PDB file of N, CA and C in Angstrom:
ATOM      1  N   MET A   1      64.682   4.908  36.284  1.00  0.00           N
ATOM      2  CA  MET A   1      63.572   4.681  36.813  1.00  0.00           C
ATOM      3  C   MET A   1      62.390   5.188  36.012  1.00  0.00           C
ATOM      4  N   ILE A   2      62.555   6.723  35.939  1.00  0.00           N
ATOM      5  CA  ILE A   2      61.267   7.118  34.981  1.00  0.00           C
ATOM      6  C   ILE A   2      61.152   6.715  33.565  1.00  0.00           C
ATOM      7  N   ILE A   3      62.499   6.245  33.021  1.00  0.00           N
ATOM      8  CA  ILE A   3      62.372   5.557  31.510  1.00  0.00           C
ATOM      9  C   ILE A   3      61.697   4.357  31.705  1.00  0.00           C
ATOM     10  N   LYS A   4      61.898   3.584  32.660  1.00  0.00           N
ATOM     11  CA  LYS A   4      61.217   2.216  32.820  1.00  0.00           C
ATOM     12  C   LYS A   4      59.577   2.563  32.901  1.00  0.00           C
ATOM     13  N   GLN A   5      59.160   3.383  33.803  1.00  0.00           N
ATOM     14  CA  GLN A   5      57.895   3.562  33.906  1.00  0.00           C
ATOM     15  C   GLN A   5      57.143   3.999  32.742  1.00  0.00           C
ATOM     16  N   LYS A   6      58.063   5.027  31.714  1.00  0.00           N
ATOM     17  CA  LYS A   6      57.385   5.528  30.422  1.00  0.00           C
ATOM     18  C   LYS A   6      57.289   4.377  29.481  1.00  0.00           C
ATOM     19  N   GLN A   7      58.323   3.454  29.532  1.00  0.00           N
ATOM     20  CA  GLN A   7      58.319   2.334  28.941  1.00  0.00           C
ATOM     21  C   GLN A   7      57.203   1.319  29.076  1.00  0.00           C
ATOM     22  N   LYS A   8      56.900   1.215  30.383  1.00  0.00           N
ATOM     23  CA  LYS A   8      55.630   0.427  30.639  1.00  0.00           C
ATOM     24  C   LYS A   8      54.472   0.990  30.293  1.00  0.00           C
ATOM     25  N   TRP A   9      54.478   2.307  30.560  1.00  0.00           N
ATOM     26  CA  TRP A   9      53.147   3.247  30.195  1.00  0.00           C
ATOM     27  C   TRP A   9      52.927   2.855  28.605  1.00  0.00           C
ATOM     28  N   LEU A  10      54.003   3.128  27.861  1.00  0.00           N
ATOM     29  CA  LEU A  10      53.924   2.799  26.375  1.00  0.00           C
ATOM     30  C   LEU A  10      53.326   1.576  26.021  1.00  0.00           C
ATOM     31  N   LYS A  11      54.170   0.541  26.503  1.00  0.00           N
ATOM     32  CA  LYS A  11      53.706  -0.840  26.491  1.00  0.00           C
ATOM     33  C   LYS A  11      52.051  -0.972  26.812  1.00  0.00           C
ATOM     34  N   GLY A  12      51.488  -0.506  27.819  1.00  0.00           N
ATOM     35  CA  GLY A  12      50.326  -0.669  28.319  1.00  0.00           C
ATOM     36  C   GLY A  12      49.403   0.292  27.459  1.00  0.00           C
ATOM     37  N   ALA A  13      49.811   1.493  26.845  1.00  0.00           N
ATOM     38  CA  ALA A  13      48.967   2.232  25.823  1.00  0.00           C
ATOM     39  C   ALA A  13      48.934   1.405  24.585  1.00  0.00           C
ATOM     40  N   GLY A  14      49.796   0.948  24.126  1.00  0.00           N
ATOM     41  CA  GLY A  14      49.842  -0.186  22.849  1.00  0.00           C
ATOM     42  C   GLY A  14      48.806  -1.217  23.226  1.00  0.00           C
ATOM     43  N   TYR A  15      48.839  -1.807  24.194  1.00  0.00           N
ATOM     44  CA  TYR A  15      47.901  -2.807  24.661  1.00  0.00           C
ATOM     45  C   TYR A  15      46.431  -2.207  24.482  1.00  0.00           C
ATOM     46  N   ASN A  16      46.353  -1.062  25.187  1.00  0.00           N
ATOM     47  CA  ASN A  16      44.899  -0.581  25.487  1.00  0.00           C
ATOM     48  C   ASN A  16      44.531  -0.123  23.993  1.00  0.00           C
ATOM     49  N   LEU A  17      45.230   0.510  23.009  1.00  0.00           N
ATOM     50  CA  LEU A  17      44.968   0.797  21.672  1.00  0.00           C
ATOM     51  C   LEU A  17      44.371   0.020  20.841  1.00  0.00           C
ATOM     52  N   LYS A  18      45.213  -1.430  21.115  1.00  0.00           N
ATOM     53  CA  LYS A  18      44.925  -2.567  20.167  1.00  0.00           C
ATOM     54  C   LYS A  18      43.539  -3.276  20.659  1.00  0.00           C
ATOM     55  N   LEU A  19      43.358  -2.982  21.954  1.00  0.00           N
ATOM     56  CA  LEU A  19      42.037  -3.569  22.560  1.00  0.00           C
ATOM     57  C   LEU A  19      40.945  -2.518  22.093  1.00  0.00           C
ATOM     58  N   ILE A  20      41.282  -1.372  22.073  1.00  0.00           N
ATOM     59  CA  ILE A  20      40.226  -0.287  21.564  1.00  0.00           C
ATOM     60  C   ILE A  20      40.117  -0.825  19.942  1.00  0.00           C
ATOM     61  N   ILE A  21      40.661  -0.834  19.352  1.00  0.00           N
ATOM     62  CA  ILE A  21      40.783  -1.125  18.029  1.00  0.00           C
ATOM     63  C   ILE A  21      39.910  -2.472  17.890  1.00  0.00           C
ATOM     64  N   PHE A  22      40.229  -3.516  18.466  1.00  0.00           N
ATOM     65  CA  PHE A  22      39.711  -4.624  18.389  1.00  0.00           C
ATOM     66  C   PHE A  22      38.273  -4.418  18.697  1.00  0.00           C
ATOM     67  N   SER A  23      37.941  -3.846  19.521  1.00  0.00           N
ATOM     68  CA  SER A  23      36.429  -3.642  20.220  1.00  0.00           C
ATOM     69  C   SER A  23      35.662  -2.793  19.348  1.00  0.00           C
ATOM     70  N   LEU A  24      36.412  -1.692  18.473  1.00  0.00           N
ATOM     71  CA  LEU A  24      35.576  -1.283  17.497  1.00  0.00           C
ATOM     72  C   LEU A  24      35.220  -1.947  16.507  1.00  0.00           C
ATOM     73  N   SER A  25      36.183  -2.744  16.112  1.00  0.00           N
ATOM     74  CA  SER A  25      35.875  -3.759  14.780  1.00  0.00           C
ATOM     75  C   SER A  25      34.884  -4.677  15.069  1.00  0.00           C
ATOM     76  N   ILE A  26      34.794  -5.190  16.222  1.00  0.00           N
ATOM     77  CA  ILE A  26      33.832  -6.222  16.650  1.00  0.00           C
ATOM     78  C   ILE A  26      32.298  -5.539  16.534  1.00  0.00           C
ATOM     79  N   ILE A  27      32.461  -4.481  17.306  1.00  0.00           N
ATOM     80  CA  ILE A  27      31.293  -3.513  17.181  1.00  0.00           C
ATOM     81  C   ILE A  27      30.883  -3.004  15.864  1.00  0.00           C
ATOM     82  N   SER A  28      31.725  -2.627  14.985  1.00  0.00           N
ATOM     83  CA  SER A  28      31.279  -2.161  13.596  1.00  0.00           C
ATOM     84  C   SER A  28      30.877  -3.304  12.550  1.00  0.00           C
ATOM     85  N   ILE A  29      31.267  -4.681  13.018  1.00  0.00           N
ATOM     86  CA  ILE A  29      30.978  -5.840  12.234  1.00  0.00           C
ATOM     87  C   ILE A  29      29.609  -6.331  12.402  1.00  0.00           C
ATOM     88  N   VAL A  30      29.290  -6.165  14.008  1.00  0.00           N
ATOM     89  CA  VAL A  30      27.701  -6.495  14.545  1.00  0.00           C
ATOM     90  C   VAL A  30      27.036  -5.401  14.115  1.00  0.00           C
ATOM     91  N   ALA A  31      27.231  -4.361  14.028  1.00  0.00           N
ATOM     92  CA  ALA A  31      26.389  -3.117  13.607  1.00  0.00           C
ATOM     93  C   ALA A  31      25.717  -3.465  12.025  1.00  0.00           C
ATOM     94  N   TYR A  32      27.366  -3.572  11.254  1.00  0.00           N
ATOM     95  CA  TYR A  32      26.926  -4.042   9.809  1.00  0.00           C
ATOM     96  C   TYR A  32      25.851  -5.219   9.726  1.00  0.00           C
ATOM     97  N   LEU A  33      26.174  -6.216  10.383  1.00  0.00           N
ATOM     98  CA  LEU A  33      25.416  -7.444  10.115  1.00  0.00           C
ATOM     99  C   LEU A  33      23.889  -6.981  10.472  1.00  0.00           C
ATOM    100  N   LEU A  34      23.693  -6.008  11.566  1.00  0.00           N
ATOM    101  CA  LEU A  34      22.156  -5.919  12.066  1.00  0.00           C
ATOM    102  C   LEU A  34      21.520  -4.771  10.978  1.00  0.00           C
ATOM    103  N   VAL A  35      22.417  -4.429  10.369  1.00  0.00           N
ATOM    104  CA  VAL A  35      21.742  -3.239   9.360  1.00  0.00           C
ATOM    105  C   VAL A  35      21.378  -4.066   8.181  1.00  0.00           C
ATOM    106  N   VAL A  36      22.204  -4.972   7.771  1.00  0.00           N
ATOM    107  CA  VAL A  36      21.967  -5.550   6.601  1.00  0.00           C
ATOM    108  C   VAL A  36      20.894  -6.680   6.763  1.00  0.00           C
ATOM    109  N   ASN A  37      20.749  -7.213   7.849  1.00  0.00           N
ATOM    110  CA  ASN A  37      19.509  -8.067   8.159  1.00  0.00           C
ATOM    111  C   ASN A  37      18.316  -7.241   8.390  1.00  0.00           C
ATOM    112  N   TYR A  38      18.366  -6.293   8.698  1.00  0.00           N
ATOM    113  CA  TYR A  38      17.209  -5.107   8.700  1.00  0.00           C
ATOM    114  C   TYR A  38      16.681  -5.003   7.499  1.00  0.00           C
ATOM    115  N   THR A  39      17.544  -4.474   6.578  1.00  0.00           N
ATOM    116  CA  THR A  39      17.483  -3.868   5.057  1.00  0.00           C
ATOM    117  C   THR A  39      16.701  -5.166   4.316  1.00  0.00           C
ATOM    118  N   ASN A  40      17.416  -6.526   4.552  1.00  0.00           N
ATOM    119  CA  ASN A  40      17.021  -7.335   3.974  1.00  0.00           C
ATOM    120  C   ASN A  40      15.410  -7.997   4.153  1.00  0.00           C
ATOM    121  N   THR A  41      14.969  -7.631   5.707  1.00  0.00           N
ATOM    122  CA  THR A  41      13.795  -8.013   6.265  1.00  0.00           C
ATOM    123  C   THR A  41      12.858  -6.982   5.726  1.00  0.00           C
ATOM    124  N   LEU A  42      13.289  -5.730   5.541  1.00  0.00           N
ATOM    125  CA  LEU A  42      12.119  -4.678   4.883  1.00  0.00           C
ATOM    126  C   LEU A  42      12.088  -5.144   3.649  1.00  0.00           C
ATOM    127  N   GLY A  43      13.215  -5.334   2.829  1.00  0.00           N
ATOM    128  CA  GLY A  43      12.858  -6.041   1.352  1.00  0.00           C
ATOM    129  C   GLY A  43      11.605  -7.311   1.086  1.00  0.00           C
ATOM    130  N   ILE A  44      11.968  -7.863   1.996  1.00  0.00           N
ATOM    131  CA  ILE A  44      11.112  -9.092   1.899  1.00  0.00           C
ATOM    132  C   ILE A  44       9.533  -8.581   1.972  1.00  0.00           C
ATOM    133  N   GLU A  45       9.356  -7.851   3.287  1.00  0.00           N
ATOM    134  CA  GLU A  45       8.219  -7.036   3.665  1.00  0.00           C
ATOM    135  C   GLU A  45       7.538  -6.410   2.594  1.00  0.00           C
ATOM    136  N   MET A  46       8.381  -5.431   1.740  1.00  0.00           N
ATOM    137  CA  MET A  46       8.191  -4.774   0.575  1.00  0.00           C
ATOM    138  C   MET A  46       7.538  -5.730  -0.537  1.00  0.00           C
ATOM    139  N   GLY A  47       8.443  -6.861  -0.697  1.00  0.00           N
ATOM    140  CA  GLY A  47       8.016  -7.938  -1.727  1.00  0.00           C
ATOM    141  C   GLY A  47       6.387  -8.341  -1.560  1.00  0.00           C
ATOM    142  N   GLU A  48       6.322  -8.925  -0.206  1.00  0.00           N
ATOM    143  CA  GLU A  48       4.929  -9.297  -0.015  1.00  0.00           C
ATOM    144  C   GLU A  48       3.823  -8.251  -0.234  1.00  0.00           C
ATOM    145  N   MET A  49       4.143  -7.049   0.301  1.00  0.00           N
ATOM    146  CA  MET A  49       3.169  -6.008   0.295  1.00  0.00           C
ATOM    147  C   MET A  49       2.892  -5.569  -1.142  1.00  0.00           C
ATOM    148  N   GLN A  50       3.853  -5.671  -2.011  1.00  0.00           N
ATOM    149  CA  GLN A  50       3.665  -5.339  -3.641  1.00  0.00           C
ATOM    150  C   GLN A  50       2.819  -6.440  -4.053  1.00  0.00           C
ATOM    151  N   TRP A  51       2.994  -7.766  -3.561  1.00  0.00           N
ATOM    152  CA  TRP A  51       2.069  -8.896  -4.137  1.00  0.00           C
ATOM    153  C   TRP A  51       0.811  -8.773  -3.598  1.00  0.00           C
ATOM    154  N   LYS A  52       0.672  -8.422  -2.588  1.00  0.00           N
ATOM    155  CA  LYS A  52      -0.937  -8.012  -1.873  1.00  0.00           C
ATOM    156  C   LYS A  52      -1.573  -6.796  -2.858  1.00  0.00           C
ATOM    157  N   ILE A  53      -0.963  -5.851  -3.334  1.00  0.00           N
ATOM    158  CA  ILE A  53      -1.204  -4.772  -4.034  1.00  0.00           C
ATOM    159  C   ILE A  53      -1.608  -5.272  -5.328  1.00  0.00           C
ATOM    160  N   ASN A  54      -0.703  -6.224  -5.937  1.00  0.00           N
ATOM    161  CA  ASN A  54      -1.185  -6.858  -7.204  1.00  0.00           C
ATOM    162  C   ASN A  54      -2.480  -7.648  -7.198  1.00  0.00           C
ATOM    163  N   GLN A  55      -2.616  -8.415  -6.265  1.00  0.00           N
ATOM    164  CA  GLN A  55      -3.745  -9.346  -5.849  1.00  0.00           C
ATOM    165  C   GLN A  55      -5.028  -8.082  -5.853  1.00  0.00           C
ATOM    166  N   LEU A  56      -4.799  -7.281  -4.957  1.00  0.00           N
ATOM    167  CA  LEU A  56      -6.074  -6.424  -4.774  1.00  0.00           C
ATOM    168  C   LEU A  56      -6.544  -5.573  -5.948  1.00  0.00           C
ATOM    169  N   GLU A  57      -5.481  -5.350  -6.755  1.00  0.00           N
ATOM    170  CA  GLU A  57      -5.767  -4.507  -8.028  1.00  0.00           C
ATOM    171  C   GLU A  57      -6.595  -5.386  -8.954  1.00  0.00           C
ATOM    172  N   LYS A  58      -6.034  -6.902  -9.162  1.00  0.00           N
ATOM    173  CA  LYS A  58      -6.623  -7.691  -9.945  1.00  0.00           C
ATOM    174  C   LYS A  58      -8.091  -7.943  -9.269  1.00  0.00           C
ATOM    175  N   GLN A  59      -8.120  -7.890  -8.255  1.00  0.00           N
ATOM    176  CA  GLN A  59      -9.619  -8.120  -7.768  1.00  0.00           C
ATOM    177  C   GLN A  59     -10.558  -7.138  -7.843  1.00  0.00           C
ATOM    178  N   ARG A  60     -10.019  -5.963  -7.743  1.00  0.00           N
ATOM    179  CA  ARG A  60     -10.762  -4.730  -8.008  1.00  0.00           C
ATOM    180  C   ARG A  60     -11.311  -4.629  -9.568  1.00  0.00           C
ATOM    181  N   ARG A  61     -10.385  -4.919 -10.170  1.00  0.00           N
ATOM    182  CA  ARG A  61     -10.569  -4.982 -11.832  1.00  0.00           C
ATOM    183  C   ARG A  61     -11.754  -5.996 -12.036  1.00  0.00           C
ATOM    184  N   ASP A  62     -11.660  -7.312 -11.485  1.00  0.00           N
ATOM    185  CA  ASP A  62     -12.486  -8.193 -11.627  1.00  0.00           C
ATOM    186  C   ASP A  62     -14.112  -7.626 -11.050  1.00  0.00           C
ATOM    187  N   LEU A  63     -13.990  -7.034  -9.743  1.00  0.00           N
ATOM    188  CA  LEU A  63     -15.228  -6.717  -9.289  1.00  0.00           C
ATOM    189  C   LEU A  63     -15.858  -5.448 -10.248  1.00  0.00           C
ATOM    190  N   GLN A  64     -15.039  -4.582 -10.638  1.00  0.00           N
ATOM    191  CA  GLN A  64     -15.414  -3.771 -11.667  1.00  0.00           C
ATOM    192  C   GLN A  64     -15.996  -4.239 -12.822  1.00  0.00           C
ATOM    193  N   SER A  65     -15.578  -5.072 -13.480  1.00  0.00           N
ATOM    194  CA  SER A  65     -16.092  -5.837 -14.823  1.00  0.00           C
ATOM    195  C   SER A  65     -17.434  -6.560 -14.334  1.00  0.00           C
ATOM    196  N   GLN A  66     -17.495  -7.017 -13.152  1.00  0.00           N
ATOM    197  CA  GLN A  66     -18.689  -7.886 -12.629  1.00  0.00           C
ATOM    198  C   GLN A  66     -20.014  -6.443 -12.380  1.00  0.00           C
ATOM    199  N   ALA A  67     -19.395  -5.602 -11.675  1.00  0.00           N
ATOM    200  CA  ALA A  67     -20.516  -4.623 -11.582  1.00  0.00           C
ATOM    201  C   ALA A  67     -20.794  -3.848 -12.841  1.00  0.00           C
ATOM    202  N   THR A  68     -20.009  -3.825 -13.805  1.00  0.00           N
ATOM    203  CA  THR A  68     -20.564  -3.337 -15.097  1.00  0.00           C
ATOM    204  C   THR A  68     -21.521  -4.104 -15.879  1.00  0.00           C
ATOM    205  N   ALA A  69     -21.041  -5.581 -15.947  1.00  0.00           N
ATOM    206  CA  ALA A  69     -21.910  -6.439 -16.312  1.00  0.00           C
ATOM    207  C   ALA A  69     -23.419  -6.651 -15.625  1.00  0.00           C
ATOM    208  N   LEU A  70     -23.282  -6.376 -14.417  1.00  0.00           N
ATOM    209  CA  LEU A  70     -24.626  -6.331 -13.551  1.00  0.00           C
ATOM    210  C   LEU A  70     -25.542  -5.103 -13.909  1.00  0.00           C
ATOM    211  N   GLN A  71     -24.775  -4.053 -14.454  1.00  0.00           N
ATOM    212  CA  GLN A  71     -25.490  -2.699 -14.625  1.00  0.00           C
ATOM    213  C   GLN A  71     -25.705  -2.593 -16.112  1.00  0.00           C
ATOM    214  N   SER A  72     -25.662  -3.586 -16.854  1.00  0.00           N
ATOM    215  CA  SER A  72     -25.999  -3.768 -18.315  1.00  0.00           C
ATOM    216  C   SER A  72     -27.396  -3.307 -18.574  1.00  0.00           C
ATOM    217  N   MET A  73     -27.917  -2.867 -19.851  1.00  0.00           N
ATOM    218  CA  MET A  73     -29.088  -2.556 -19.864  1.00  0.00           C
ATOM    219  C   MET A  73     -29.948  -4.027 -20.200  1.00  0.00           C
ATOM    220  N   THR A  74     -29.228  -4.908 -20.980  1.00  0.00           N
ATOM    221  CA  THR A  74     -29.787  -6.404 -21.031  1.00  0.00           C
ATOM    222  C   THR A  74     -30.208  -6.973 -19.682  1.00  0.00           C
ATOM    223  N   ARG A  75     -29.174  -6.988 -18.891  1.00  0.00           N
ATOM    224  CA  ARG A  75     -29.686  -7.413 -17.838  1.00  0.00           C
ATOM    225  C   ARG A  75     -30.805  -6.905 -16.891  1.00  0.00           C
ATOM    226  N   ILE A  76     -30.795  -5.582 -17.162  1.00  0.00           N
ATOM    227  CA  ILE A  76     -31.878  -4.956 -16.496  1.00  0.00           C
ATOM    228  C   ILE A  76     -33.274  -5.190 -16.905  1.00  0.00           C
ATOM    229  N   GLU A  77     -33.322  -5.243 -18.348  1.00  0.00           N
ATOM    230  CA  GLU A  77     -34.657  -5.734 -19.007  1.00  0.00           C
ATOM    231  C   GLU A  77     -34.841  -6.923 -18.703  1.00  0.00           C
ATOM    232  N   GLU A  78     -33.977  -7.771 -18.866  1.00  0.00           N
ATOM    233  CA  GLU A  78     -34.180  -9.358 -18.350  1.00  0.00           C
ATOM    234  C   GLU A  78     -34.877  -9.403 -16.833  1.00  0.00           C
ATOM    235  N   ILE A  79     -34.259  -8.694 -15.958  1.00  0.00           N
ATOM    236  CA  ILE A  79     -34.882  -8.702 -14.666  1.00  0.00           C
ATOM    237  C   ILE A  79     -36.279  -8.086 -14.619  1.00  0.00           C
ATOM    238  N   SER A  80     -36.537  -6.935 -15.408  1.00  0.00           N
ATOM    239  CA  SER A  80     -37.740  -6.340 -15.245  1.00  0.00           C
ATOM    240  C   SER A  80     -38.715  -7.348 -15.902  1.00  0.00           C
ATOM    241  N   ASN A  81     -38.408  -7.912 -17.084  1.00  0.00           N
ATOM    242  CA  ASN A  81     -39.222  -8.811 -17.841  1.00  0.00           C
ATOM    243  C   ASN A  81     -39.615  -9.925 -16.999  1.00  0.00           C
ATOM    244  N   LEU A  82     -38.591 -11.013 -16.791  1.00  0.00           N
ATOM    245  CA  LEU A  82     -38.819 -12.128 -15.908  1.00  0.00           C
ATOM    246  C   LEU A  82     -39.055 -11.928 -14.517  1.00  0.00           C
ATOM    247  N   GLN A  83     -38.493 -11.276 -13.774  1.00  0.00           N
ATOM    248  CA  GLN A  83     -38.790 -11.157 -12.346  1.00  0.00           C
ATOM    249  C   GLN A  83     -39.944 -10.259 -11.747  1.00  0.00           C
ATOM    250  N   LEU A  84     -40.141  -9.247 -12.678  1.00  0.00           N
ATOM    251  CA  LEU A  84     -40.983  -7.939 -12.015  1.00  0.00           C
ATOM    252  C   LEU A  84     -42.244  -8.035 -13.002  1.00  0.00           C
ATOM    253  N   SER A  85     -42.239  -8.799 -14.022  1.00  0.00           N
ATOM    254  CA  SER A  85     -43.261  -9.041 -15.011  1.00  0.00           C
ATOM    255  C   SER A  85     -43.788  -7.699 -15.785  1.00  0.00           C
ATOM    256  N   MET A  86     -42.997  -6.864 -15.857  1.00  0.00           N
ATOM    257  CA  MET A  86     -42.925  -5.620 -16.503  1.00  0.00           C
ATOM    258  C   MET A  86     -43.120  -5.917 -18.113  1.00  0.00           C
ATOM    259  N   VAL A  87     -43.764  -5.030 -19.011  1.00  0.00           N
ATOM    260  CA  VAL A  87     -43.747  -5.148 -20.212  1.00  0.00           C
ATOM    261  C   VAL A  87     -43.009  -3.875 -20.864  1.00  0.00           C
ATOM    262  N   MET A  88     -42.869  -3.686 -22.186  1.00  0.00           N
ATOM    263  CA  MET A  88     -42.280  -2.689 -22.834  1.00  0.00           C
ATOM    264  C   MET A  88     -43.758  -1.799 -23.353  1.00  0.00           C
ATOM    265  N   ALA A  89     -43.722  -0.594 -23.090  1.00  0.00           N
ATOM    266  CA  ALA A  89     -44.679   0.465 -23.584  1.00  0.00           C
ATOM    267  C   ALA A  89     -44.571   0.445 -24.748  1.00  0.00           C
ATOM    268  N   ASP A  90     -45.961   0.416 -25.509  1.00  0.00           N
ATOM    269  CA  ASP A  90     -45.940   0.591 -26.942  1.00  0.00           C
ATOM    270  C   ASP A  90     -45.963   2.074 -27.517  1.00  0.00           C
ATOM    271  N   ASN A  91     -46.876   2.793 -26.598  1.00  0.00           N
ATOM    272  CA  ASN A  91     -46.815   4.369 -27.108  1.00  0.00           C
ATOM    273  C   ASN A  91     -46.694   5.197 -25.836  1.00  0.00           C
ATOM    274  N   PHE A  92     -46.284   6.468 -26.209  1.00  0.00           N
ATOM    275  CA  PHE A  92     -46.037   7.244 -24.831  1.00  0.00           C
ATOM    276  C   PHE A  92     -46.871   8.585 -24.843  1.00  0.00           C
ATOM    277  N   ASP A  93     -47.510   8.926 -23.783  1.00  0.00           N
ATOM    278  CA  ASP A  93     -48.275   9.874 -23.667  1.00  0.00           C
ATOM    279  C   ASP A  93     -47.676  10.925 -22.857  1.00  0.00           C
ATOM    280  N   TYR A  94     -47.434  12.285 -23.351  1.00  0.00           N
ATOM    281  CA  TYR A  94     -47.016  13.355 -22.518  1.00  0.00           C
ATOM    282  C   TYR A  94     -47.806  14.298 -22.134  1.00  0.00           C
ATOM    283  N   LEU A  95     -47.716  14.591 -20.945  1.00  0.00           N
ATOM    284  CA  LEU A  95     -48.902  15.737 -20.508  1.00  0.00           C
ATOM    285  C   LEU A  95     -47.942  16.952 -20.501  1.00  0.00           C
ATOM    286  N   LEU A  96     -48.725  18.053 -21.288  1.00  0.00           N
ATOM    287  CA  LEU A  96     -48.089  19.293 -21.385  1.00  0.00           C
ATOM    288  C   LEU A  96     -48.780  20.309 -20.440  1.00  0.00           C
ATOM    289  N   PRO A  97     -48.429  21.345 -19.679  1.00  0.00           N
ATOM    290  CA  PRO A  97     -48.961  22.426 -18.918  1.00  0.00           C
ATOM    291  C   PRO A  97     -50.004  22.903 -19.847  1.00  0.00           C
ATOM    292  N   GLU A  98     -51.176  23.276 -19.327  1.00  0.00           N
ATOM    293  CA  GLU A  98     -51.889  24.332 -20.090  1.00  0.00           C
ATOM    294  C   GLU A  98     -51.577  25.700 -20.041  1.00  0.00           C
ATOM    295  N   GLU A  99     -51.237  26.146 -18.772  1.00  0.00           N
ATOM    296  CA  GLU A  99     -50.669  27.669 -19.050  1.00  0.00           C
ATOM    297  C   GLU A  99     -49.416  27.691 -18.376  1.00  0.00           C
ATOM    298  N   LYS A 100     -48.629  28.663 -18.926  1.00  0.00           N
ATOM    299  CA  LYS A 100     -47.356  28.867 -18.225  1.00  0.00           C
ATOM    300  C   LYS A 100     -47.647  29.475 -16.725  1.00  0.00           C
ATOM    301  N   THR A 101     -46.785  28.874 -16.057  1.00  0.00           N
ATOM    302  CA  THR A 101     -46.760  29.432 -14.705  1.00  0.00           C
ATOM    303  C   THR A 101     -45.289  29.961 -14.363  1.00  0.00           C
ATOM    304  N   PHE A 102     -45.339  31.077 -13.584  1.00  0.00           N
ATOM    305  CA  PHE A 102     -43.914  31.518 -13.130  1.00  0.00           C
ATOM    306  C   PHE A 102     -43.886  31.842 -11.647  1.00  0.00           C
ATOM    307  N   ALA A 103     -42.776  31.510 -11.152  1.00  0.00           N
ATOM    308  CA  ALA A 103     -42.734  32.042  -9.560  1.00  0.00           C
ATOM    309  C   ALA A 103     -42.237  33.269  -9.649  1.00  0.00           C
ATOM    310  N   ALA A 104     -42.935  34.179  -8.791  1.00  0.00           N
ATOM    311  CA  ALA A 104     -42.861  35.564  -8.551  1.00  0.00           C
ATOM    312  C   ALA A 104     -42.354  35.911  -7.306  1.00  0.00           C
ATOM    313  N   ARG A 105     -41.255  36.894  -6.946  1.00  0.00           N
ATOM    314  CA  ARG A 105     -40.829  37.371  -5.865  1.00  0.00           C
ATOM    315  C   ARG A 105     -41.869  38.600  -5.231  1.00  0.00           C
ATOM    316  N   LYS A 106     -42.171  38.456  -3.990  1.00  0.00           N
ATOM    317  CA  LYS A 106     -42.788  39.361  -3.535  1.00  0.00           C
ATOM    318  C   LYS A 106     -42.189  40.583  -3.007  1.00  0.00           C
TER     319      LYS A 106
END
């Protein structure tokens, strides 16, 4: 009788072991699929962000060249002559101080 009980227990233990191995296999496969899916999603998001970075860098370069063109001396002269009616000075008069002044500490 004891031998039959041990044989039943061993058969039950084998079944339980197979069930545990099968369950762990299924869990491992599902976990692997979740990790791969998450990794691929992150890769796609990184690609989109890199594309946006490239577009913003291109836009920054364009704006920088546009700002440089707007700050050019020829443009400033053109605006001062046409819009503000300024003229170029022919001669320059400089005022020099008559006597030297210094600040003194008391």
